[in-house]
Amino acid sequence: MAIFYAELKDEAATLQLAAKIAQYVRGGQTLFLQGTLGAGKTTFSRGVLQALGHNGNVKSPTYTLVEPYQLAGLAIYHFDLYRLNDAEELEFMGIRDYFRSDSLCLIEWPERGHDCLPAPDLDIHLIYVDQQRRVEIRAATSAGQTIINALNDNEK
């Protein structure tokens, strides 16, 4: 599958890339956001949400696990699984009900969800390099492939 790389020199660059991706997201898609604490996962989520029309604050739903948004005819669910003790908790909260054709799911710390999560359309890795970040985005579905192709075409 396709891969996209970029250097993100600051928060504005992270928000800009997230806004570009927001141009191509549709319902029924899932984005995994991976990286160490402070790598920019919530900033990236904020960029997607703001590009889709959200004007308020975007906080990491660390204690609630999920924060819902209704924007542009799309149900958006921002998950933060950092404090998840057991992936079975996701089954108890009805996790499968969130992955619908009219929803976009942004999932921070997806590795804690193990087998309870679907394959992501995009697997986004934010990595610290000196005082800036690098992003590596891998497509895991044809929908993700379409987004990465569009990103790569815009970089030419």
N, C-alpha and C. Protein backbone atom coordinates (compact mmCIF):
# COMPACT_ATOMS: atom_id res chain seq x y z
N MET A 1 0.84 -1.19 0.00
CA MET A 1 0.00 0.00 0.00
C MET A 1 0.88 1.25 0.00
N ALA A 2 0.26 2.37 -0.24
CA ALA A 2 0.97 3.65 -0.39
C ALA A 2 1.41 4.21 0.96
N ILE A 3 2.47 5.01 0.90
CA ILE A 3 3.02 5.68 2.07
C ILE A 3 3.22 7.15 1.73
N PHE A 4 2.98 8.02 2.73
CA PHE A 4 3.23 9.45 2.59
C PHE A 4 4.12 9.87 3.75
N TYR A 5 5.17 10.64 3.46
CA TYR A 5 6.07 11.17 4.48
C TYR A 5 6.06 12.69 4.42
N ALA A 6 6.20 13.32 5.58
CA ALA A 6 6.35 14.78 5.61
C ALA A 6 7.08 15.19 6.88
N GLU A 7 7.79 16.29 6.79
CA GLU A 7 8.40 16.92 7.96
C GLU A 7 7.42 17.97 8.45
N LEU A 8 7.18 18.01 9.74
CA LEU A 8 6.26 18.98 10.34
C LEU A 8 7.07 19.86 11.27
N LYS A 9 7.44 21.05 10.77
CA LYS A 9 8.36 21.90 11.53
C LYS A 9 7.74 22.53 12.77
N ASP A 10 6.39 22.62 12.80
CA ASP A 10 5.74 23.22 13.96
C ASP A 10 4.26 22.80 14.00
N GLU A 11 3.55 23.31 14.99
CA GLU A 11 2.14 22.97 15.16
C GLU A 11 1.32 23.38 13.94
N ALA A 12 1.64 24.53 13.37
CA ALA A 12 0.90 25.00 12.19
C ALA A 12 1.02 24.01 11.03
N ALA A 13 2.19 23.42 10.86
CA ALA A 13 2.39 22.44 9.79
C ALA A 13 1.56 21.17 10.05
N THR A 14 1.46 20.79 11.32
CA THR A 14 0.64 19.63 11.69
C THR A 14 -0.83 19.90 11.38
N LEU A 15 -1.30 21.08 11.77
CA LEU A 15 -2.69 21.46 11.51
C LEU A 15 -2.97 21.54 10.00
N GLN A 16 -2.00 22.04 9.25
CA GLN A 16 -2.16 22.17 7.80
C GLN A 16 -2.27 20.80 7.13
N LEU A 17 -1.44 19.86 7.53
CA LEU A 17 -1.52 18.52 6.95
C LEU A 17 -2.85 17.86 7.32
N ALA A 18 -3.27 18.02 8.57
CA ALA A 18 -4.55 17.45 9.00
C ALA A 18 -5.70 18.03 8.18
N ALA A 19 -5.63 19.33 7.90
CA ALA A 19 -6.68 19.98 7.10
C ALA A 19 -6.69 19.43 5.67
N LYS A 20 -5.51 19.15 5.12
CA LYS A 20 -5.45 18.55 3.78
C LYS A 20 -6.13 17.19 3.77
N ILE A 21 -5.85 16.39 4.78
CA ILE A 21 -6.46 15.06 4.87
C ILE A 21 -7.97 15.19 5.03
N ALA A 22 -8.41 16.18 5.80
CA ALA A 22 -9.85 16.38 6.03
C ALA A 22 -10.60 16.63 4.71
N GLN A 23 -9.91 17.15 3.72
CA GLN A 23 -10.54 17.38 2.41
C GLN A 23 -10.98 16.09 1.75
N TYR A 24 -10.35 14.99 2.12
CA TYR A 24 -10.59 13.72 1.44
C TYR A 24 -11.32 12.68 2.28
N VAL A 25 -11.54 12.96 3.55
CA VAL A 25 -12.22 11.95 4.38
C VAL A 25 -13.70 11.90 4.05
N ARG A 26 -14.25 10.74 4.21
CA ARG A 26 -15.66 10.49 3.98
C ARG A 26 -16.16 9.61 5.12
N GLY A 27 -17.43 9.40 5.16
CA GLY A 27 -17.98 8.50 6.16
C GLY A 27 -17.48 7.08 5.97
N GLY A 28 -17.45 6.35 7.07
CA GLY A 28 -17.01 4.97 7.03
C GLY A 28 -15.51 4.80 7.11
N GLN A 29 -14.79 5.86 7.46
CA GLN A 29 -13.33 5.78 7.52
C GLN A 29 -12.81 5.85 8.95
N THR A 30 -11.65 5.25 9.13
CA THR A 30 -10.99 5.21 10.44
C THR A 30 -9.53 5.63 10.27
N LEU A 31 -9.08 6.54 11.13
CA LEU A 31 -7.69 6.99 11.14
C LEU A 31 -7.08 6.63 12.48
N PHE A 32 -5.99 5.89 12.45
CA PHE A 32 -5.22 5.59 13.65
C PHE A 32 -4.16 6.68 13.80
N LEU A 33 -4.02 7.20 15.01
CA LEU A 33 -3.02 8.22 15.32
C LEU A 33 -2.06 7.65 16.35
N GLN A 34 -0.81 7.47 15.94
CA GLN A 34 0.16 6.83 16.82
C GLN A 34 1.37 7.73 17.04
N GLY A 35 1.95 7.59 18.21
CA GLY A 35 3.13 8.37 18.57
C GLY A 35 3.24 8.44 20.09
N THR A 36 4.38 8.87 20.56
CA THR A 36 4.59 8.98 22.00
C THR A 36 3.76 10.12 22.58
N LEU A 37 3.72 10.22 23.90
CA LEU A 37 3.03 11.32 24.55
C LEU A 37 3.58 12.64 24.03
N GLY A 38 2.70 13.55 23.66
CA GLY A 38 3.12 14.86 23.18
C GLY A 38 3.58 14.90 21.74
N ALA A 39 3.39 13.82 21.00
CA ALA A 39 3.87 13.78 19.61
C ALA A 39 2.99 14.58 18.65
N GLY A 40 1.76 14.92 19.07
CA GLY A 40 0.90 15.73 18.21
C GLY A 40 -0.38 15.04 17.76
N LYS A 41 -0.74 13.94 18.39
CA LYS A 41 -1.94 13.20 17.99
C LYS A 41 -3.20 14.04 18.17
N THR A 42 -3.34 14.69 19.31
CA THR A 42 -4.53 15.51 19.55
C THR A 42 -4.50 16.76 18.68
N THR A 43 -3.34 17.32 18.45
CA THR A 43 -3.22 18.47 17.54
C THR A 43 -3.68 18.07 16.15
N PHE A 44 -3.27 16.91 15.71
CA PHE A 44 -3.68 16.42 14.40
C PHE A 44 -5.21 16.25 14.35
N SER A 45 -5.77 15.66 15.39
CA SER A 45 -7.23 15.50 15.46
C SER A 45 -7.93 16.85 15.41
N ARG A 46 -7.39 17.82 16.15
CA ARG A 46 -7.95 19.17 16.15
C ARG A 46 -7.94 19.75 14.74
N GLY A 47 -6.86 19.53 14.01
CA GLY A 47 -6.76 20.04 12.65
C GLY A 47 -7.82 19.44 11.73
N VAL A 48 -8.08 18.15 11.86
CA VAL A 48 -9.12 17.51 11.06
C VAL A 48 -10.48 18.08 11.43
N LEU A 49 -10.76 18.15 12.73
CA LEU A 49 -12.06 18.64 13.19
C LEU A 49 -12.30 20.09 12.78
N GLN A 50 -11.30 20.94 12.94
CA GLN A 50 -11.46 22.34 12.56
C GLN A 50 -11.66 22.49 11.05
N ALA A 51 -10.95 21.70 10.27
CA ALA A 51 -11.10 21.78 8.82
C ALA A 51 -12.49 21.33 8.38
N LEU A 52 -13.13 20.48 9.19
CA LEU A 52 -14.48 20.02 8.88
C LEU A 52 -15.55 20.94 9.48
N GLY A 53 -15.12 22.03 10.14
CA GLY A 53 -16.07 23.03 10.60
C GLY A 53 -16.26 23.19 12.09
N HIS A 54 -15.50 22.44 12.91
CA HIS A 54 -15.63 22.59 14.36
C HIS A 54 -14.92 23.87 14.81
N ASN A 55 -15.62 24.68 15.62
CA ASN A 55 -15.04 25.96 16.07
C ASN A 55 -14.61 25.96 17.53
N GLY A 56 -15.03 24.99 18.30
CA GLY A 56 -14.70 24.98 19.73
C GLY A 56 -13.38 24.31 20.02
N ASN A 57 -13.15 24.11 21.31
CA ASN A 57 -11.94 23.42 21.76
C ASN A 57 -12.00 21.95 21.36
N VAL A 58 -10.84 21.37 21.20
CA VAL A 58 -10.71 19.93 20.99
C VAL A 58 -9.76 19.44 22.06
N LYS A 59 -10.30 18.65 22.96
CA LYS A 59 -9.46 18.10 24.02
C LYS A 59 -9.35 16.60 23.82
N SER A 60 -8.29 16.06 24.33
CA SER A 60 -8.10 14.63 24.23
C SER A 60 -9.08 13.95 25.20
N PRO A 61 -9.89 13.02 24.71
CA PRO A 61 -10.86 12.35 25.57
C PRO A 61 -10.23 11.22 26.41
N THR A 62 -9.16 11.55 27.10
CA THR A 62 -8.39 10.56 27.85
C THR A 62 -9.24 9.84 28.89
N TYR A 63 -10.10 10.55 29.58
CA TYR A 63 -10.87 9.92 30.66
C TYR A 63 -12.22 9.42 30.19
N THR A 64 -12.78 10.00 29.14
CA THR A 64 -14.09 9.57 28.66
C THR A 64 -13.96 8.54 27.54
N LEU A 65 -12.79 8.34 27.01
CA LEU A 65 -12.45 7.45 25.90
C LEU A 65 -12.91 7.96 24.54
N VAL A 66 -14.07 8.64 24.47
CA VAL A 66 -14.55 9.11 23.17
C VAL A 66 -15.26 10.45 23.32
N GLU A 67 -15.02 11.31 22.34
CA GLU A 67 -15.69 12.62 22.28
C GLU A 67 -16.40 12.68 20.92
N PRO A 68 -17.73 12.84 20.92
CA PRO A 68 -18.45 12.88 19.65
C PRO A 68 -18.59 14.31 19.11
N TYR A 69 -18.61 14.43 17.79
CA TYR A 69 -18.83 15.70 17.09
C TYR A 69 -19.77 15.42 15.92
N GLN A 70 -20.64 16.35 15.60
CA GLN A 70 -21.50 16.24 14.43
C GLN A 70 -21.16 17.40 13.51
N LEU A 71 -20.50 17.12 12.40
CA LEU A 71 -20.03 18.16 11.49
C LEU A 71 -20.23 17.75 10.04
N ALA A 72 -20.62 18.67 9.23
CA ALA A 72 -20.69 18.47 7.78
C ALA A 72 -21.41 17.17 7.40
N GLY A 73 -22.49 16.87 8.12
CA GLY A 73 -23.25 15.67 7.83
C GLY A 73 -22.52 14.39 8.19
N LEU A 74 -21.54 14.51 9.06
CA LEU A 74 -20.69 13.39 9.43
C LEU A 74 -20.63 13.29 10.96
N ALA A 75 -20.81 12.09 11.47
CA ALA A 75 -20.60 11.85 12.89
C ALA A 75 -19.11 11.55 13.06
N ILE A 76 -18.42 12.36 13.85
CA ILE A 76 -16.99 12.17 14.06
C ILE A 76 -16.77 11.77 15.50
N TYR A 77 -16.01 10.70 15.69
CA TYR A 77 -15.71 10.20 17.03
C TYR A 77 -14.20 10.25 17.23
N HIS A 78 -13.81 11.00 18.25
CA HIS A 78 -12.40 11.14 18.60
C HIS A 78 -12.14 10.29 19.84
N PHE A 79 -11.40 9.22 19.66
CA PHE A 79 -11.08 8.29 20.74
C PHE A 79 -9.67 8.53 21.25
N ASP A 80 -9.48 8.35 22.55
CA ASP A 80 -8.16 8.31 23.15
C ASP A 80 -8.14 7.09 24.06
N LEU A 81 -7.41 6.08 23.66
CA LEU A 81 -7.42 4.81 24.40
C LEU A 81 -6.24 4.68 25.36
N TYR A 82 -5.55 5.78 25.64
CA TYR A 82 -4.35 5.74 26.49
C TYR A 82 -4.62 5.11 27.86
N ARG A 83 -5.72 5.44 28.47
CA ARG A 83 -6.02 4.94 29.82
C ARG A 83 -6.84 3.65 29.83
N LEU A 84 -7.03 3.07 28.69
CA LEU A 84 -7.78 1.83 28.59
C LEU A 84 -7.01 0.71 29.30
N ASN A 85 -7.66 0.07 30.24
CA ASN A 85 -7.00 -1.01 30.99
C ASN A 85 -7.09 -2.35 30.27
N ASP A 86 -8.18 -2.58 29.59
CA ASP A 86 -8.41 -3.86 28.94
C ASP A 86 -9.24 -3.60 27.68
N ALA A 87 -8.83 -4.15 26.56
CA ALA A 87 -9.55 -3.95 25.31
C ALA A 87 -11.00 -4.40 25.40
N GLU A 88 -11.29 -5.32 26.29
CA GLU A 88 -12.68 -5.78 26.48
C GLU A 88 -13.61 -4.64 26.88
N GLU A 89 -13.06 -3.60 27.53
CA GLU A 89 -13.87 -2.43 27.89
C GLU A 89 -14.52 -1.81 26.67
N LEU A 90 -13.85 -1.89 25.53
CA LEU A 90 -14.39 -1.34 24.29
C LEU A 90 -15.65 -2.10 23.86
N GLU A 91 -15.63 -3.39 24.06
CA GLU A 91 -16.82 -4.19 23.73
C GLU A 91 -17.99 -3.79 24.62
N PHE A 92 -17.72 -3.54 25.90
CA PHE A 92 -18.78 -3.16 26.84
C PHE A 92 -19.39 -1.80 26.49
N MET A 93 -18.58 -0.92 25.90
CA MET A 93 -19.10 0.41 25.54
C MET A 93 -19.74 0.41 24.14
N GLY A 94 -19.77 -0.74 23.49
CA GLY A 94 -20.40 -0.83 22.18
C GLY A 94 -19.56 -0.24 21.06
N ILE A 95 -18.26 -0.49 21.10
CA ILE A 95 -17.32 0.12 20.16
C ILE A 95 -17.72 -0.09 18.70
N ARG A 96 -18.25 -1.23 18.38
CA ARG A 96 -18.57 -1.53 16.97
C ARG A 96 -19.67 -0.62 16.42
N ASP A 97 -20.49 -0.06 17.31
CA ASP A 97 -21.56 0.83 16.89
C ASP A 97 -21.05 2.17 16.34
N TYR A 98 -19.81 2.51 16.66
CA TYR A 98 -19.24 3.79 16.20
C TYR A 98 -18.76 3.72 14.75
N PHE A 99 -18.44 2.54 14.28
CA PHE A 99 -17.86 2.37 12.94
C PHE A 99 -18.98 2.13 11.94
N ARG A 100 -19.51 3.25 11.43
CA ARG A 100 -20.65 3.22 10.52
C ARG A 100 -20.28 3.93 9.23
N SER A 101 -21.15 3.80 8.24
CA SER A 101 -20.90 4.44 6.94
C SER A 101 -21.02 5.96 7.01
N ASP A 102 -21.65 6.48 8.07
CA ASP A 102 -21.80 7.94 8.21
C ASP A 102 -20.90 8.51 9.30
N SER A 103 -19.84 7.76 9.68
CA SER A 103 -18.97 8.25 10.74
C SER A 103 -17.51 8.23 10.32
N LEU A 104 -16.74 9.11 10.95
CA LEU A 104 -15.29 9.15 10.83
C LEU A 104 -14.75 8.93 12.23
N CYS A 105 -13.84 7.97 12.39
CA CYS A 105 -13.28 7.68 13.71
C CYS A 105 -11.79 8.01 13.72
N LEU A 106 -11.41 8.90 14.64
CA LEU A 106 -10.02 9.28 14.87
C LEU A 106 -9.60 8.59 16.17
N ILE A 107 -8.60 7.72 16.13
CA ILE A 107 -8.28 6.90 17.30
C ILE A 107 -6.83 7.09 17.71
N GLU A 108 -6.64 7.71 18.88
CA GLU A 108 -5.31 7.83 19.48
C GLU A 108 -5.03 6.58 20.31
N TRP A 109 -3.80 6.11 20.30
CA TRP A 109 -3.36 4.92 21.02
C TRP A 109 -4.15 3.67 20.58
N PRO A 110 -4.29 3.44 19.27
CA PRO A 110 -5.09 2.30 18.80
C PRO A 110 -4.54 0.94 19.22
N GLU A 111 -3.24 0.86 19.48
CA GLU A 111 -2.65 -0.43 19.87
C GLU A 111 -3.27 -0.97 21.15
N ARG A 112 -3.87 -0.12 21.95
CA ARG A 112 -4.51 -0.57 23.19
C ARG A 112 -5.88 -1.19 22.94
N GLY A 113 -6.39 -1.04 21.72
CA GLY A 113 -7.69 -1.60 21.37
C GLY A 113 -7.62 -2.99 20.77
N HIS A 114 -6.42 -3.45 20.49
CA HIS A 114 -6.16 -4.79 19.95
C HIS A 114 -7.18 -5.20 18.89
N ASP A 115 -7.81 -6.31 19.06
CA ASP A 115 -8.69 -6.89 18.04
C ASP A 115 -10.09 -6.29 18.03
N CYS A 116 -10.36 -5.29 18.83
CA CYS A 116 -11.70 -4.69 18.89
C CYS A 116 -11.89 -3.59 17.85
N LEU A 117 -10.83 -3.21 17.15
CA LEU A 117 -10.90 -2.12 16.19
C LEU A 117 -10.78 -2.65 14.77
N PRO A 118 -11.44 -1.99 13.82
CA PRO A 118 -11.27 -2.39 12.42
C PRO A 118 -9.90 -1.94 11.92
N ALA A 119 -9.51 -2.43 10.77
CA ALA A 119 -8.28 -1.95 10.15
C ALA A 119 -8.46 -0.47 9.81
N PRO A 120 -7.43 0.32 9.99
CA PRO A 120 -7.56 1.75 9.67
C PRO A 120 -7.46 2.00 8.17
N ASP A 121 -8.10 3.05 7.72
CA ASP A 121 -7.89 3.49 6.35
C ASP A 121 -6.51 4.13 6.25
N LEU A 122 -6.19 4.95 7.27
CA LEU A 122 -4.87 5.56 7.36
C LEU A 122 -4.28 5.25 8.73
N ASP A 123 -3.02 4.83 8.73
CA ASP A 123 -2.28 4.61 9.97
C ASP A 123 -1.23 5.71 10.03
N ILE A 124 -1.45 6.69 10.91
CA ILE A 124 -0.65 7.91 10.97
C ILE A 124 0.31 7.83 12.16
N HIS A 125 1.61 7.88 11.88
CA HIS A 125 2.64 7.84 12.92
C HIS A 125 3.31 9.20 13.01
N LEU A 126 3.24 9.81 14.18
CA LEU A 126 3.90 11.09 14.43
C LEU A 126 5.14 10.81 15.27
N ILE A 127 6.30 11.27 14.79
CA ILE A 127 7.57 10.93 15.40
C ILE A 127 8.35 12.20 15.67
N TYR A 128 8.89 12.31 16.91
CA TYR A 128 9.77 13.44 17.24
C TYR A 128 11.12 13.26 16.55
N VAL A 129 11.60 14.32 15.94
CA VAL A 129 12.94 14.34 15.38
C VAL A 129 13.50 15.71 15.74
N ASP A 130 14.46 15.74 16.66
CA ASP A 130 15.00 16.99 17.18
C ASP A 130 13.85 17.84 17.73
N GLN A 131 13.69 19.06 17.24
CA GLN A 131 12.65 19.95 17.76
C GLN A 131 11.41 19.98 16.87
N GLN A 132 11.35 19.08 15.91
CA GLN A 132 10.17 19.04 15.04
C GLN A 132 9.67 17.61 14.96
N ARG A 133 8.66 17.41 14.13
CA ARG A 133 8.07 16.09 13.99
C ARG A 133 8.13 15.65 12.54
N ARG A 134 8.11 14.35 12.40
CA ARG A 134 7.98 13.74 11.08
C ARG A 134 6.71 12.90 11.12
N VAL A 135 6.01 12.85 10.03
CA VAL A 135 4.82 12.02 9.95
C VAL A 135 5.00 10.99 8.86
N GLU A 136 4.57 9.78 9.17
CA GLU A 136 4.55 8.70 8.21
C GLU A 136 3.13 8.18 8.18
N ILE A 137 2.51 8.20 7.02
CA ILE A 137 1.12 7.78 6.89
C ILE A 137 1.07 6.61 5.92
N ARG A 138 0.49 5.52 6.37
CA ARG A 138 0.35 4.32 5.54
C ARG A 138 -1.12 4.05 5.27
N ALA A 139 -1.41 3.71 4.05
CA ALA A 139 -2.77 3.32 3.68
C ALA A 139 -2.93 1.83 3.95
N ALA A 140 -4.08 1.46 4.53
CA ALA A 140 -4.36 0.05 4.77
C ALA A 140 -5.61 -0.40 4.02
N THR A 141 -6.26 0.52 3.32
CA THR A 141 -7.46 0.20 2.53
C THR A 141 -7.40 0.98 1.22
N SER A 142 -8.31 0.68 0.33
CA SER A 142 -8.35 1.43 -0.94
C SER A 142 -8.74 2.89 -0.69
N ALA A 143 -9.61 3.14 0.31
CA ALA A 143 -9.97 4.52 0.65
C ALA A 143 -8.74 5.28 1.15
N GLY A 144 -7.94 4.64 1.96
CA GLY A 144 -6.70 5.25 2.43
C GLY A 144 -5.73 5.49 1.29
N GLN A 145 -5.66 4.54 0.38
CA GLN A 145 -4.80 4.67 -0.80
C GLN A 145 -5.18 5.91 -1.61
N THR A 146 -6.47 6.15 -1.76
CA THR A 146 -6.95 7.32 -2.50
C THR A 146 -6.48 8.61 -1.83
N ILE A 147 -6.56 8.66 -0.50
CA ILE A 147 -6.13 9.86 0.24
C ILE A 147 -4.63 10.07 0.07
N ILE A 148 -3.84 9.01 0.21
CA ILE A 148 -2.39 9.15 0.08
C ILE A 148 -2.01 9.55 -1.35
N ASN A 149 -2.68 8.99 -2.33
CA ASN A 149 -2.41 9.40 -3.72
C ASN A 149 -2.67 10.89 -3.90
N ALA A 150 -3.75 11.39 -3.32
CA ALA A 150 -4.08 12.83 -3.42
C ALA A 150 -3.01 13.66 -2.71
N LEU A 151 -2.56 13.23 -1.54
CA LEU A 151 -1.50 13.96 -0.82
C LEU A 151 -0.21 13.99 -1.62
N ASN A 152 0.17 12.84 -2.16
CA ASN A 152 1.40 12.77 -2.95
C ASN A 152 1.30 13.61 -4.22
N ASP A 153 0.12 13.63 -4.84
CA ASP A 153 -0.06 14.44 -6.05
C ASP A 153 0.06 15.93 -5.72
N ASN A 154 -0.44 16.33 -4.55
CA ASN A 154 -0.36 17.74 -4.13
C ASN A 154 1.07 18.16 -3.81
N GLU A 155 1.94 17.21 -3.48
CA GLU A 155 3.33 17.53 -3.12
C GLU A 155 4.19 17.74 -4.35
N LYS A 156 3.71 17.31 -5.51
CA LYS A 156 4.53 17.40 -6.74
C LYS A 156 4.58 18.81 -7.26
